[in-house]
C-alpha atoms as a PDB file:
ATOM      1  CA  MET A   1       0.100   0.043   0.060  1.00  0.00           C
ATOM      2  CA  SER A   2       3.016   2.221   0.136  1.00  0.00           C
ATOM      3  CA  ALA A   3       2.625   2.577  -3.453  1.00  0.00           C
ATOM      4  CA  ALA A   4      -0.656   3.867  -3.477  1.00  0.00           C
ATOM      5  CA  LEU A   5       0.370   6.513  -0.823  1.00  0.00           C
ATOM      6  CA  ALA A   6       3.388   7.491  -2.909  1.00  0.00           C
ATOM      7  CA  LEU A   7       1.126   7.778  -6.044  1.00  0.00           C
ATOM      8  CA  GLY A   8      -1.354   9.873  -4.109  1.00  0.00           C
ATOM      9  CA  ASP A   9       1.434  12.076  -2.914  1.00  0.00           C
ATOM     10  CA  ALA A  10       2.841  12.492  -6.407  1.00  0.00           C
ATOM     11  CA  LEU A  11      -0.747  13.392  -7.648  1.00  0.00           C
ATOM     12  CA  GLY A  12      -1.044  15.970  -4.761  1.00  0.00           C
ATOM     13  CA  VAL A  13      -3.689  14.182  -2.817  1.00  0.00           C
ATOM     14  CA  PRO A  14      -3.509  14.782   0.939  1.00  0.00           C
ATOM     15  CA  SER A  15      -2.266  11.716   2.810  1.00  0.00           C
ATOM     16  CA  LEU A  16      -4.967  11.630   5.095  1.00  0.00           C
ATOM     17  CA  ALA A  17      -7.697  11.348   1.962  1.00  0.00           C
ATOM     18  CA  THR A  18      -5.484   8.861   0.488  1.00  0.00           C
ATOM     19  CA  ALA A  19      -5.453   6.616   3.726  1.00  0.00           C
ATOM     20  CA  GLU A  20      -9.204   7.038   3.700  1.00  0.00           C
ATOM     21  CA  LEU A  21      -9.574   5.572   0.081  1.00  0.00           C
ATOM     22  CA  LEU A  22      -7.043   3.088   0.833  1.00  0.00           C
ATOM     23  CA  PRO A  23      -9.732   0.073   1.179  1.00  0.00           C
ATOM     24  CA  VAL A  24     -11.372   1.096  -2.251  1.00  0.00           C
ATOM     25  CA  ILE A  25      -7.982   1.356  -3.870  1.00  0.00           C
ATOM     26  CA  GLU A  26      -6.976  -2.141  -2.558  1.00  0.00           C
ATOM     27  CA  ALA A  27     -10.248  -3.669  -3.738  1.00  0.00           C
ATOM     28  CA  VAL A  28      -9.774  -2.405  -7.280  1.00  0.00           C
ATOM     29  CA  MET A  29      -5.936  -3.505  -7.326  1.00  0.00           C
ATOM     30  CA  VAL A  30      -7.189  -7.058  -6.328  1.00  0.00           C
ATOM     31  CA  ALA A  31      -9.905  -7.128  -8.763  1.00  0.00           C
ATOM     32  CA  LYS A  32      -7.397  -5.931 -11.627  1.00  0.00           C
ATOM     33  CA  LEU A  33      -4.823  -8.344 -10.614  1.00  0.00           C
ATOM     34  CA  ASN A  34      -7.332 -11.200 -10.487  1.00  0.00           C
ATOM     35  CA  GLU A  35      -8.514 -10.361 -14.027  1.00  0.00           C
ATOM     36  CA  GLN A  36      -4.931 -10.453 -15.482  1.00  0.00           C
ATOM     37  CA  MET A  37      -4.107 -13.771 -13.763  1.00  0.00           C
ATOM     38  CA  GLU A  38      -7.295 -15.308 -15.430  1.00  0.00           C
ATOM     39  CA  ARG A  39      -6.182 -14.184 -18.766  1.00  0.00           C
ATOM     40  CA  PRO A  40      -4.199 -16.755 -20.729  1.00  0.00           C
ATOM     41  CA  ASP A  41      -0.717 -15.560 -21.807  1.00  0.00           C
ATOM     42  CA  VAL A  42      -0.626 -14.201 -25.367  1.00  0.00           C
END
């Protein structure tokens, strides 16, 4: 999750706001990783 905090910081999002959104960010990250893992290699 430090990557999400670093990205938020780079985008100018306050750390407290990023920390508040971490559960949502994590859910999207996991969903996208699962999608990629289910796809056959091209």
